[in-house]
């Protein structure tokens, strides 16, 4: 019972390594304590239970903010929202239960622990559309280990955190596994030192002025029909204060009307900025009517919409949020509770082959809200791009830790690709992030304002952009196989 309680407490320590707490040493304490609990398990079943309790601590604390959108904006009673959030956390905890189970079966070494952790994190990122949240590597973005990100992304950082933390415990145990784990840990530390000397991307033009407009329209008012005219006024007035020559960015669904409904207004804003030597990119819902019916999409467009080649400069979001932007099995569950009928929850995903956007002569890779969390998608679209842009509306999660965790994970994409990231949001965090993942400028949350800054266009390719997750998955499997061989010899 004591070790089960320790596993739960160890999991509760894990989120403290992430925003808004940023106590990154707690990451190693948490993982090390979890590995210790695994070592003390006397059966695979007990190892699974301890791993599940560890994961329950991670997600029970780390994503407790999910209930905010359900209760505050999804009109779900609190007595329902909290259990729904708990069920979600309990499901996600199964991945850590499986990791501990596999590790126990294959010899309980630090190598196997790190390998199984990485594989199951990867599975969690795509299974049932995926929930790629709170990967261990994100906790290392502001540490000396961060230069590993352009080489192996958040995956290599995750492997590093788990391997180093578990090796410290492994060294106190008998057997040859401890020396293998120690040797690999030394190699990781040496690679980190070398990574500090490497640069993979280079400037590709002069610094470009950019203005990110933060409308700060309360979520409980944003979708009301009576707010439509006022919303236009807010964004128009804020944009009118921006000097000439700026790339102006409005956030996700800045305007809650379809582009096809407010074409004149949006195009006039774009033309006015163009006349002053600027550019305009905005998030806007999109509606397409064809023989197959009506399709709705969550989109981002460069205005004027049609470029010199006559093609539309619009990107439709690919990774949709379950229940927020589409409802799985909607024919069965729509109407059961108000949460399943949130505004704009009937979107269709965009085509993966869509081109990037172009603004003021620069190619910009666009990402909308949740999809900035997918490392491979961002890495793939970044080829040939001068900068990254992500727009979001994190007002769904109020003053909780959710928006700050989201912001931290977005910063990792800039580091992985060696490109500046422009992040426009409705109520924060609106920011400009450099190619090292550092915040250059940012607006406070929950303020209506314009962030005037600049970014550096960059070109080049990082190793992670070329390889993605695959080398690290292969390494993880090798660690699992090696652990199995040691287990057979015992």
Protein backbone atom coordinates (compact mmCIF):
# COMPACT_ATOMS: atom_id res chain seq x y z
CA UNK A 1 0.00 0.00 0.00
CA UNK A 2 2.84 2.39 0.84
CA UNK A 3 4.50 1.94 -2.56
CA UNK A 4 1.16 2.44 -4.33
CA UNK A 5 0.69 5.72 -2.50
CA UNK A 6 4.25 6.69 -3.43
CA UNK A 7 3.48 5.98 -7.10
CA UNK A 8 0.45 8.27 -6.95
CA UNK A 9 2.45 11.03 -5.23
CA UNK A 10 5.26 10.65 -7.76
CA UNK A 11 2.74 11.18 -10.55
CA UNK A 12 1.35 14.27 -8.85
CA UNK A 13 4.86 15.77 -8.84
CA UNK A 14 5.21 15.34 -12.61
CA UNK A 15 3.09 18.34 -13.77
CA UNK A 16 5.09 20.67 -11.51
CA UNK A 17 7.87 20.48 -14.12
CA UNK A 18 5.62 22.20 -16.67
CA UNK A 19 4.05 25.62 -17.02
CA UNK A 20 2.90 27.49 -15.02
CA UNK A 21 5.08 26.01 -12.25
CA UNK A 22 8.27 25.39 -14.29
CA UNK A 23 10.00 23.41 -11.54
CA UNK A 24 11.83 21.25 -14.08
CA UNK A 25 13.98 19.30 -11.57
CA UNK A 26 10.71 17.78 -10.33
CA UNK A 27 10.56 15.92 -13.64
CA UNK A 28 13.58 13.81 -12.64
CA UNK A 29 12.30 13.37 -9.09
CA UNK A 30 8.93 12.16 -10.35
CA UNK A 31 10.30 9.74 -12.95
CA UNK A 32 12.95 8.41 -10.56
CA UNK A 33 10.35 7.79 -7.84
CA UNK A 34 8.07 6.08 -10.36
CA UNK A 35 10.92 3.80 -11.45
CA UNK A 36 11.67 3.00 -7.81
CA UNK A 37 8.05 1.93 -7.29
CA UNK A 38 8.33 -0.33 -10.32
CA UNK A 39 11.41 -1.99 -8.84
CA UNK A 40 9.53 -2.83 -5.64
CA UNK A 41 6.59 -4.51 -7.41
CA UNK A 42 6.40 -8.28 -6.83
CA UNK A 43 4.30 -9.09 -9.91
CA UNK A 44 3.46 -7.74 -13.35
CA UNK A 45 -0.09 -7.06 -12.16
CA UNK A 46 1.19 -5.00 -9.25
CA UNK A 47 3.54 -3.14 -11.60
CA UNK A 48 0.60 -2.28 -13.84
CA UNK A 49 -1.42 -0.98 -10.90
CA UNK A 50 1.45 1.20 -9.71
CA UNK A 51 1.99 2.54 -13.21
CA UNK A 52 -1.71 3.32 -13.51
CA UNK A 53 -1.64 5.18 -10.19
CA UNK A 54 1.43 7.07 -11.37
CA UNK A 55 -0.37 8.08 -14.57
CA UNK A 56 -3.50 8.96 -12.60
CA UNK A 57 -1.41 11.39 -10.57
CA UNK A 58 0.03 12.92 -13.74
CA UNK A 59 -3.25 13.48 -15.52
CA UNK A 60 -5.49 13.90 -12.50
CA UNK A 61 -3.48 17.00 -11.64
CA UNK A 62 -1.98 17.89 -15.02
CA UNK A 63 -5.22 18.09 -17.04
CA UNK A 64 -7.70 18.91 -14.29
CA UNK A 65 -8.44 22.10 -16.24
CA UNK A 66 -10.45 20.11 -18.82
CA UNK A 67 -13.54 20.43 -16.65
CA UNK A 68 -13.49 24.22 -17.16
CA UNK A 69 -14.61 24.01 -20.79
CA UNK A 70 -17.18 21.35 -19.94
CA UNK A 71 -18.73 23.28 -17.06
CA UNK A 72 -18.17 26.96 -17.83
CA UNK A 73 -18.77 26.91 -21.59
CA UNK A 74 -20.26 23.49 -22.34
CA UNK A 75 -23.09 23.96 -19.82
CA UNK A 76 -22.34 20.62 -18.18
CA UNK A 77 -23.17 20.54 -14.45
CA UNK A 78 -20.10 20.48 -12.23
CA UNK A 79 -21.21 17.18 -10.75
CA UNK A 80 -20.89 15.72 -14.26
CA UNK A 81 -17.85 17.67 -15.51
CA UNK A 82 -15.55 16.53 -12.70
CA UNK A 83 -16.31 12.79 -13.12
CA UNK A 84 -15.96 13.12 -16.92
CA UNK A 85 -12.53 14.69 -16.42
CA UNK A 86 -11.59 11.96 -13.93
CA UNK A 87 -12.61 9.23 -16.39
CA UNK A 88 -10.49 10.86 -19.09
CA UNK A 89 -7.50 11.02 -16.72
CA UNK A 90 -8.04 7.39 -15.69
CA UNK A 91 -8.03 6.34 -19.35
CA UNK A 92 -4.81 8.21 -20.11
CA UNK A 93 -3.21 6.68 -17.01
CA UNK A 94 -3.53 3.25 -18.66
CA UNK A 95 -0.58 4.12 -20.91
CA UNK A 96 1.70 4.39 -17.89
CA UNK A 97 0.21 1.24 -16.42
CA UNK A 98 1.20 -0.55 -19.64
CA UNK A 99 4.67 1.01 -19.55
CA UNK A 100 5.28 -0.26 -16.02
CA UNK A 101 3.84 -3.67 -16.93
CA UNK A 102 6.09 -4.09 -19.98
CA UNK A 103 9.11 -2.88 -18.01
CA UNK A 104 8.47 -5.40 -15.24
CA UNK A 105 8.04 -8.23 -17.72
CA UNK A 106 11.26 -7.38 -19.57
CA UNK A 107 13.54 -7.06 -16.60
CA UNK A 108 12.80 -3.72 -14.93
CA UNK A 109 15.95 -2.04 -16.27
CA UNK A 110 16.27 1.68 -16.94
CA UNK A 111 16.74 0.86 -20.64
CA UNK A 112 13.45 -0.99 -20.89
CA UNK A 113 11.69 1.65 -18.81
CA UNK A 114 12.82 4.45 -21.11
CA UNK A 115 12.01 2.46 -24.25
CA UNK A 116 8.50 1.45 -23.21
CA UNK A 117 7.77 4.98 -21.96
CA UNK A 118 8.68 6.51 -25.33
CA UNK A 119 6.74 3.97 -27.40
CA UNK A 120 3.57 4.40 -25.36
CA UNK A 121 3.88 8.20 -25.39
CA UNK A 122 4.00 7.97 -29.17
CA UNK A 123 0.95 5.70 -29.24
CA UNK A 124 -0.90 8.14 -26.99
CA UNK A 125 -0.19 10.85 -29.56
CA UNK A 126 -2.22 9.19 -32.34
CA UNK A 127 -4.56 6.56 -30.87
CA UNK A 128 -8.20 7.69 -31.19
CA UNK A 129 -6.93 10.95 -32.79
CA UNK A 130 -4.38 11.28 -30.00
CA UNK A 131 -3.77 13.41 -26.93
CA UNK A 132 -0.11 14.52 -27.20
CA UNK A 133 -0.09 16.45 -23.92
CA UNK A 134 2.51 16.58 -21.11
CA UNK A 135 5.28 14.64 -22.81
CA UNK A 136 8.23 14.61 -20.41
CA UNK A 137 10.48 16.36 -22.93
CA UNK A 138 8.46 19.58 -22.75
CA UNK A 139 9.67 20.05 -19.20
CA UNK A 140 13.26 20.41 -20.51
CA UNK A 141 12.67 23.31 -22.92
CA UNK A 142 14.33 25.83 -20.60
CA UNK A 143 17.19 23.61 -19.47
CA UNK A 144 20.70 22.81 -20.76
CA UNK A 145 19.18 19.81 -22.55
CA UNK A 146 17.11 21.96 -24.95
CA UNK A 147 19.69 21.90 -27.84
CA UNK A 148 18.80 18.22 -28.33
CA UNK A 149 15.36 19.25 -29.68
CA UNK A 150 16.49 20.16 -33.24
CA UNK A 151 18.13 16.73 -33.40
CA UNK A 152 15.39 14.53 -32.00
CA UNK A 153 12.52 16.77 -31.04
CA UNK A 154 10.47 16.33 -27.92
CA UNK A 155 10.98 12.57 -28.34
CA UNK A 156 14.73 12.70 -27.71
CA UNK A 157 14.19 15.05 -24.78
CA UNK A 158 11.62 12.64 -23.34
CA UNK A 159 13.98 9.71 -23.75
CA UNK A 160 16.73 11.76 -22.11
CA UNK A 161 14.61 12.66 -19.08
CA UNK A 162 13.37 9.11 -18.48
CA UNK A 163 16.75 7.47 -19.06
CA UNK A 164 18.72 9.81 -16.81
CA UNK A 165 16.19 9.74 -13.97
CA UNK A 166 15.81 5.96 -13.97
CA UNK A 167 19.56 5.35 -14.35
CA UNK A 168 20.19 7.11 -11.03
CA UNK A 169 17.97 4.48 -9.37
CA UNK A 170 19.36 1.65 -11.52
CA UNK A 171 22.92 2.32 -10.32
CA UNK A 172 21.89 1.29 -6.82
CA UNK A 173 20.75 -2.12 -8.07
CA UNK A 174 22.83 -5.19 -9.04
CA UNK A 175 23.23 -6.52 -12.55
CA UNK A 176 24.87 -5.55 -15.87
CA UNK A 177 21.87 -3.42 -16.88
CA UNK A 178 23.06 -0.60 -14.66
CA UNK A 179 26.34 -0.26 -16.53
CA UNK A 180 24.61 -0.26 -19.91
CA UNK A 181 22.19 2.40 -18.69
CA UNK A 182 25.06 4.42 -17.24
CA UNK A 183 27.02 4.20 -20.51
CA UNK A 184 24.03 5.33 -22.55
CA UNK A 185 23.37 8.17 -20.11
CA UNK A 186 26.95 9.36 -20.46
CA UNK A 187 26.53 9.28 -24.24
CA UNK A 188 23.38 11.40 -23.94
CA UNK A 189 25.18 13.93 -21.74
CA UNK A 190 28.10 14.11 -24.16
CA UNK A 191 25.68 14.57 -27.08
CA UNK A 192 24.02 17.41 -25.20
CA UNK A 193 27.35 19.18 -24.88
CA UNK A 194 28.05 18.78 -28.61
CA UNK A 195 24.51 19.94 -29.50
CA UNK A 196 25.23 23.32 -27.91
CA UNK A 197 27.72 23.98 -30.71
CA UNK A 198 25.42 23.11 -33.62
CA UNK A 199 23.21 25.39 -35.74
CA UNK A 200 20.99 24.00 -38.48
CA UNK A 201 19.10 27.02 -39.84
CA UNK A 202 20.16 30.47 -41.05
CA UNK A 203 18.57 33.90 -41.58
CA UNK A 204 16.85 34.24 -44.96
CA UNK A 205 15.97 37.92 -44.98
CA UNK A 206 15.66 41.11 -42.99
CA UNK A 207 13.73 41.31 -39.74
CA UNK A 208 10.00 41.62 -40.53
CA UNK A 209 7.66 43.75 -38.37
CA UNK A 210 4.67 41.81 -37.08
CA UNK A 211 1.57 42.84 -35.14
CA UNK A 212 -0.50 40.28 -33.28
CA UNK A 213 -3.97 41.46 -32.29
CA UNK A 214 -5.41 40.10 -29.04
CA UNK A 215 -9.13 40.91 -28.96
CA UNK A 216 -9.77 39.41 -25.50
CA UNK A 217 -13.45 38.78 -26.13
CA UNK A 218 -14.95 36.71 -23.27
CA UNK A 219 -15.77 33.18 -24.34
CA UNK A 220 -19.29 33.36 -22.92
CA UNK A 221 -19.97 36.35 -25.22
CA UNK A 222 -17.86 35.47 -28.26
CA UNK A 223 -20.39 33.29 -30.07
CA UNK A 224 -23.47 35.35 -29.35
CA UNK A 225 -25.12 36.87 -32.43
CA UNK A 226 -25.31 40.22 -30.69
CA UNK A 227 -21.48 40.32 -30.45
CA UNK A 228 -20.79 40.03 -34.16
CA UNK A 229 -20.87 43.75 -34.97
CA UNK A 230 -18.98 44.63 -31.79
CA UNK A 231 -16.31 42.03 -32.59
CA UNK A 232 -15.74 43.60 -36.00
CA UNK A 233 -15.37 47.01 -34.35
CA UNK A 234 -12.86 45.73 -31.80
CA UNK A 235 -10.55 44.17 -34.38
CA UNK A 236 -10.92 47.04 -36.83
CA UNK A 237 -10.10 49.65 -34.19
CA UNK A 238 -7.10 47.74 -32.85
CA UNK A 239 -5.76 47.18 -36.37
CA UNK A 240 -6.14 50.85 -37.28
CA UNK A 241 -3.50 51.72 -34.64
CA UNK A 242 -0.80 49.54 -36.25
CA UNK A 243 1.99 51.38 -38.13
CA UNK A 244 2.67 50.85 -41.83
CA UNK A 245 4.57 47.84 -43.14
CA UNK A 246 3.49 45.28 -40.51
CA UNK A 247 2.28 41.74 -41.01
CA UNK A 248 -0.98 41.78 -39.02
CA UNK A 249 -2.30 38.56 -37.48
CA UNK A 250 -5.76 38.02 -36.01
CA UNK A 251 -6.34 34.88 -33.87
CA UNK A 252 -8.36 31.71 -34.37
CA UNK A 253 -12.01 32.48 -35.23
CA UNK A 254 -11.32 36.14 -34.52
CA UNK A 255 -14.60 36.71 -36.35
CA UNK A 256 -17.28 34.13 -35.61
CA UNK A 257 -18.98 34.61 -38.98
CA UNK A 258 -18.07 32.55 -42.03
CA UNK A 259 -15.68 34.18 -44.47
CA UNK A 260 -18.30 33.77 -47.16
CA UNK A 261 -20.67 35.93 -45.09
CA UNK A 262 -18.24 38.75 -44.28
CA UNK A 263 -16.06 38.69 -47.39
CA UNK A 264 -16.39 42.44 -47.97
CA UNK A 265 -15.34 43.38 -44.44
CA UNK A 266 -12.34 41.04 -44.33
CA UNK A 267 -11.11 41.97 -47.80
CA UNK A 268 -11.42 45.69 -47.02
CA UNK A 269 -9.23 45.19 -43.95
CA UNK A 270 -6.66 43.38 -46.08
CA UNK A 271 -6.71 46.00 -48.82
CA UNK A 272 -6.28 48.83 -46.30
CA UNK A 273 -3.23 47.12 -44.79
CA UNK A 274 -1.80 46.31 -48.23
CA UNK A 275 -2.12 49.99 -49.20
CA UNK A 276 0.11 50.77 -46.21
CA UNK A 277 2.71 48.17 -47.19
CA UNK A 278 1.46 45.54 -44.75
CA UNK A 279 0.01 42.05 -44.84
CA UNK A 280 -2.98 40.42 -43.18
CA UNK A 281 -3.60 36.90 -41.88
CA UNK A 282 -6.71 35.97 -39.93
CA UNK A 283 -8.46 32.99 -38.46
CA UNK A 284 -11.99 32.64 -39.80
CA UNK A 285 -14.65 29.89 -40.06
CA UNK A 286 -15.10 28.66 -43.63
CA UNK A 287 -18.16 27.34 -45.44
CA UNK A 288 -18.19 25.44 -48.73
CA UNK A 289 -21.37 24.54 -50.59
CA UNK A 290 -21.22 21.89 -53.31
CA UNK A 291 -23.16 18.93 -54.64
CA UNK A 292 -22.21 16.91 -51.57
CA UNK A 293 -23.79 19.43 -49.23
CA UNK A 294 -22.35 22.06 -46.91
CA UNK A 295 -18.90 21.68 -45.39
CA UNK A 296 -17.63 23.74 -42.45
CA UNK A 297 -13.97 24.22 -41.63
CA UNK A 298 -11.79 26.01 -39.10
CA UNK A 299 -9.44 28.05 -41.27
CA UNK A 300 -6.72 30.68 -41.51
CA UNK A 301 -6.44 32.92 -44.56
CA UNK A 302 -4.00 35.44 -45.99
CA UNK A 303 -5.98 38.47 -47.16
CA UNK A 304 -6.53 39.49 -49.96
CA UNK A 305 -7.54 35.88 -50.38
CA UNK A 306 -6.41 35.41 -53.96
CA UNK A 307 -2.72 35.74 -54.67
CA UNK A 308 -1.14 36.87 -57.92
CA UNK A 309 -1.37 33.29 -59.19
CA UNK A 310 -5.16 33.36 -58.72
CA UNK A 311 -5.10 30.61 -56.08
CA UNK A 312 -6.84 30.96 -52.72
CA UNK A 313 -4.42 31.57 -49.86
CA UNK A 314 -6.27 29.66 -47.19
CA UNK A 315 -5.40 26.76 -44.89
CA UNK A 316 -8.03 24.47 -43.32
CA UNK A 317 -7.22 22.86 -39.97
CA UNK A 318 -6.29 19.16 -40.17
CA UNK A 319 -6.20 18.02 -36.54
CA UNK A 320 -9.61 18.64 -35.04
CA UNK A 321 -10.38 18.57 -31.30
CA UNK A 322 -12.82 15.77 -30.39
CA UNK A 323 -16.11 17.19 -29.09
CA UNK A 324 -14.80 20.75 -29.48
CA UNK A 325 -14.63 20.75 -33.31
CA UNK A 326 -16.23 17.46 -34.25
CA UNK A 327 -18.31 14.94 -32.36
CA UNK A 328 -17.34 11.24 -32.69
CA UNK A 329 -20.38 9.04 -33.29
CA UNK A 330 -22.44 12.24 -33.48
CA UNK A 331 -25.56 10.47 -34.71
CA UNK A 332 -25.66 8.64 -31.38
CA UNK A 333 -24.60 11.23 -28.81
CA UNK A 334 -25.52 14.69 -30.15
CA UNK A 335 -28.23 16.19 -28.00
CA UNK A 336 -27.60 13.96 -24.98
CA UNK A 337 -25.96 16.79 -23.03
CA UNK A 338 -25.20 20.42 -24.04
CA UNK A 339 -21.43 19.75 -24.12
CA UNK A 340 -21.91 17.65 -27.26
CA UNK A 341 -23.40 20.67 -29.03
CA UNK A 342 -20.70 23.29 -28.49
CA UNK A 343 -20.55 26.14 -31.05
CA UNK A 344 -18.66 25.15 -34.23
CA UNK A 345 -18.44 21.45 -33.27
CA UNK A 346 -19.30 20.29 -36.79
CA UNK A 347 -16.05 21.01 -38.63
CA UNK A 348 -14.46 18.88 -41.36
CA UNK A 349 -10.70 18.33 -41.41
CA UNK A 350 -8.60 19.89 -44.16
CA UNK A 351 -6.47 18.07 -46.73
CA UNK A 352 -2.91 17.20 -45.52
CA UNK A 353 -1.47 18.30 -48.90
CA UNK A 354 -2.55 21.95 -48.57
CA UNK A 355 0.20 24.46 -49.39
CA UNK A 356 1.64 26.87 -46.85
CA UNK A 357 0.59 30.52 -46.80
CA UNK A 358 2.48 33.45 -48.29
CA UNK A 359 2.59 36.94 -46.82
CA UNK A 360 4.84 39.89 -47.72
CA UNK A 361 7.06 37.60 -49.75
CA UNK A 362 7.62 35.07 -46.97
CA UNK A 363 6.36 31.49 -46.84
CA UNK A 364 4.66 30.79 -43.53
CA UNK A 365 3.69 27.34 -42.22
CA UNK A 366 0.25 27.68 -40.56
CA UNK A 367 -1.14 25.73 -37.60
CA UNK A 368 -4.42 26.23 -35.79
CA UNK A 369 -4.65 25.70 -32.04
CA UNK A 370 -4.40 22.00 -31.14
CA UNK A 371 -2.40 20.91 -34.19
CA UNK A 372 0.73 22.76 -33.03
CA UNK A 373 1.02 19.86 -30.54
CA UNK A 374 1.83 17.33 -33.30
CA UNK A 375 5.63 17.37 -33.80
CA UNK A 376 5.70 15.44 -37.07
CA UNK A 377 3.01 17.57 -38.73
CA UNK A 378 4.85 20.76 -37.83
CA UNK A 379 8.21 19.38 -38.91
CA UNK A 380 6.79 18.20 -42.25
CA UNK A 381 5.13 21.52 -43.11
CA UNK A 382 8.19 23.55 -42.06
CA UNK A 383 10.28 22.55 -45.07
CA UNK A 384 10.75 25.66 -47.18
CA UNK A 385 8.91 27.89 -44.69
CA UNK A 386 10.51 31.10 -43.45
CA UNK A 387 8.51 31.12 -40.20
CA UNK A 388 5.72 29.33 -38.33
CA UNK A 389 2.39 30.80 -37.33
CA UNK A 390 -0.11 29.37 -34.88
CA UNK A 391 -3.42 30.93 -33.96
CA UNK A 392 -5.54 29.78 -31.04
CA UNK A 393 -8.48 30.53 -28.80
CA UNK A 394 -7.60 29.19 -25.35
CA UNK A 395 -10.44 31.11 -23.69
CA UNK A 396 -12.20 27.73 -23.40
CA UNK A 397 -9.97 26.99 -20.39
CA UNK A 398 -10.25 30.25 -18.50
CA UNK A 399 -7.53 31.09 -15.98
CA UNK A 400 -6.37 27.47 -15.60
CA UNK A 401 -2.95 26.01 -16.38
CA UNK A 402 -4.17 24.66 -19.74
CA UNK A 403 -3.36 27.71 -21.90
CA UNK A 404 0.10 28.07 -20.34
CA UNK A 405 0.88 24.39 -20.94
CA UNK A 406 -0.30 24.83 -24.53
CA UNK A 407 2.01 27.82 -24.95
CA UNK A 408 5.00 25.90 -23.59
CA UNK A 409 4.41 23.06 -26.05
CA UNK A 410 4.08 25.51 -28.95
CA UNK A 411 7.51 26.92 -28.08
CA UNK A 412 9.01 23.45 -28.58
CA UNK A 413 7.95 23.48 -32.24
CA UNK A 414 10.06 26.60 -32.86
CA UNK A 415 13.05 24.90 -31.23
CA UNK A 416 12.59 21.66 -33.18
CA UNK A 417 12.42 23.41 -36.55
CA UNK A 418 14.89 26.26 -35.93
CA UNK A 419 12.27 28.83 -36.95
CA UNK A 420 10.56 31.78 -35.36
CA UNK A 421 6.98 31.17 -34.26
CA UNK A 422 4.26 33.83 -34.34
CA UNK A 423 1.44 32.98 -31.93
CA UNK A 424 -1.83 34.92 -32.05
CA UNK A 425 -4.58 34.20 -29.53
CA UNK A 426 -7.89 35.67 -28.45
CA UNK A 427 -6.90 36.19 -24.81
CA UNK A 428 -3.30 34.95 -24.41
CA UNK A 429 -0.64 33.88 -24.57
CA UNK A 430 0.03 36.03 -27.67
CA UNK A 431 3.76 36.00 -28.35
CA UNK A 432 6.72 35.99 -30.73
CA UNK A 433 9.13 33.11 -30.13
CA UNK A 434 12.60 32.84 -31.64
CA UNK A 435 14.30 29.86 -33.26
CA UNK A 436 15.66 28.71 -29.87
CA UNK A 437 12.19 28.51 -28.37
CA UNK A 438 12.71 31.67 -26.31
CA UNK A 439 9.96 34.25 -25.84
CA UNK A 440 11.00 37.50 -27.54
CA UNK A 441 7.82 39.49 -26.84
CA UNK A 442 4.45 38.61 -25.30
CA UNK A 443 1.21 40.21 -24.18
CA UNK A 444 -0.27 39.58 -20.73
CA UNK A 445 -3.25 37.25 -20.69
CA UNK A 446 -6.76 38.66 -20.58
CA UNK A 447 -5.89 42.10 -21.95
CA UNK A 448 -7.13 43.71 -25.16
CA UNK A 449 -4.04 44.94 -26.96
CA UNK A 450 -1.72 44.67 -29.98
CA UNK A 451 1.73 43.13 -29.73
CA UNK A 452 4.15 45.03 -31.98
CA UNK A 453 7.30 43.03 -32.56
CA UNK A 454 9.43 41.57 -35.35
CA UNK A 455 10.64 38.18 -36.48
CA UNK A 456 13.61 36.80 -38.37
CA UNK A 457 12.79 34.67 -41.47
CA UNK A 458 14.98 31.56 -41.50
CA UNK A 459 15.73 28.70 -43.88
CA UNK A 460 17.44 25.38 -43.44
CA UNK A 461 16.56 21.93 -42.20
CA UNK A 462 17.05 20.45 -38.75
CA UNK A 463 17.71 16.71 -38.35
CA UNK A 464 14.33 16.32 -36.66
CA UNK A 465 12.57 17.81 -39.70
CA UNK A 466 14.14 15.06 -41.82
CA UNK A 467 13.73 12.02 -39.57
CA UNK A 468 10.84 12.81 -37.26
CA UNK A 469 10.16 10.30 -34.50
CA UNK A 470 11.35 7.15 -36.29
CA UNK A 471 15.01 6.93 -35.19
CA UNK A 472 13.92 7.28 -31.58
CA UNK A 473 11.17 4.70 -31.92
CA UNK A 474 13.72 2.30 -33.39
CA UNK A 475 16.07 3.04 -30.50
CA UNK A 476 13.23 2.45 -28.05
CA UNK A 477 12.52 -0.93 -29.60
CA UNK A 478 16.22 -1.82 -29.43
CA UNK A 479 16.19 -0.97 -25.73
CA UNK A 480 13.16 -3.21 -25.24
CA UNK A 481 14.80 -6.10 -27.10
CA UNK A 482 18.02 -5.69 -25.14
CA UNK A 483 16.02 -5.72 -21.91
CA UNK A 484 14.26 -8.89 -22.97
CA UNK A 485 17.57 -10.62 -23.65
CA UNK A 486 18.89 -9.70 -20.23
CA UNK A 487 15.67 -10.96 -18.70
CA UNK A 488 16.07 -14.36 -20.42
CA UNK A 489 19.65 -14.73 -19.09
CA UNK A 490 18.71 -14.18 -15.47
